[in-house]
Protein backbone atom coordinates (compact mmCIF):
# COMPACT_ATOMS: atom_id res chain seq x y z
CA MET A 1 5.36 -12.69 -18.37
CA GLY A 2 1.78 -11.56 -19.30
CA ARG A 3 0.15 -12.43 -16.05
CA ARG A 4 -2.81 -10.66 -14.65
CA LEU A 5 -2.11 -9.16 -11.18
CA LYS A 6 -4.52 -10.33 -8.54
CA GLY A 7 -3.49 -8.03 -5.69
CA PRO A 8 -2.12 -8.72 -2.20
CA VAL A 9 -3.63 -11.68 -0.28
CA GLN A 10 -3.85 -12.81 3.43
CA LEU A 11 -2.82 -16.50 4.14
CA HIS A 12 -4.25 -18.80 6.67
CA GLY A 13 -6.44 -16.20 8.27
CA GLY A 14 -3.55 -14.10 9.24
CA ASP A 15 -3.28 -10.23 9.45
CA THR A 16 -0.20 -10.00 7.22
CA TRP A 17 -0.48 -9.32 3.47
CA TYR A 18 1.45 -11.12 0.77
CA ALA A 19 2.28 -11.09 -2.93
CA ARG A 20 1.82 -14.48 -4.49
CA LEU A 21 2.80 -15.60 -8.00
CA TRP A 22 1.43 -18.90 -9.31
CA VAL A 23 4.06 -20.96 -11.14
CA PRO A 24 3.07 -22.43 -14.40
CA GLU A 25 2.76 -26.19 -14.52
CA LYS A 26 5.64 -26.72 -16.96
CA ASP A 27 7.98 -24.70 -14.67
CA ARG A 28 7.05 -26.11 -11.28
CA LYS A 29 9.73 -28.76 -11.33
CA THR A 30 12.49 -26.07 -11.88
CA ALA A 31 11.06 -23.69 -9.41
CA GLY A 32 10.63 -26.55 -6.92
CA LYS A 33 7.03 -25.30 -5.81
CA GLY A 34 3.65 -24.22 -7.35
CA THR A 35 3.52 -20.72 -5.82
CA LEU A 36 6.09 -18.07 -4.92
CA ILE A 37 5.16 -15.93 -1.91
CA ARG A 38 6.71 -12.74 -0.62
CA SER A 39 5.65 -10.84 2.63
CA LEU A 40 4.52 -7.27 2.18
CA LYS A 41 5.34 -6.74 5.91
CA THR A 42 2.20 -4.92 6.80
CA THR A 43 -1.31 -5.54 8.09
CA SER A 44 -2.69 -2.51 6.34
CA TYR A 45 -4.43 -3.18 2.96
CA SER A 46 -3.90 0.23 1.69
CA GLU A 47 -0.13 0.00 2.51
CA ALA A 48 -0.01 -3.59 0.88
CA LEU A 49 -1.52 -2.19 -2.28
CA GLN A 50 1.27 0.37 -2.43
CA ARG A 51 3.96 -2.40 -1.91
CA TYR A 52 2.36 -5.13 -4.03
CA GLY A 53 3.81 -3.92 -7.52
CA ALA A 54 7.37 -3.83 -6.43
CA ALA A 55 7.18 -6.98 -4.44
CA TYR A 56 5.38 -8.86 -7.42
CA ALA A 57 8.02 -7.72 -9.84
CA GLU A 58 10.88 -8.78 -7.40
CA ILE A 59 9.23 -12.27 -7.32
CA GLU A 60 8.87 -12.47 -11.02
CA GLY A 61 12.39 -11.39 -11.52
CA GLY A 62 13.60 -14.21 -9.40
CA PHE A 63 11.36 -16.68 -10.91
CA ARG A 64 12.98 -15.81 -14.41
CA GLY A 65 16.19 -16.80 -12.98
CA PHE A 66 14.77 -20.31 -12.51
CA ALA A 67 13.13 -20.58 -15.98
């Protein structure tokens, strides 16, 4: 989709890392939300970096199913 990958994020001050994909404005009604989030199931940043690419691709693939 030509998006710049930003890397894993922690939400709400928690310890767990997540992959987050921002949904373009034009596709938000179809997706039903503005962001798609997937847990990387780790509290280690180095482990999160290793898992991020696959998780992001999985989210993006699921999003393509919406659009």
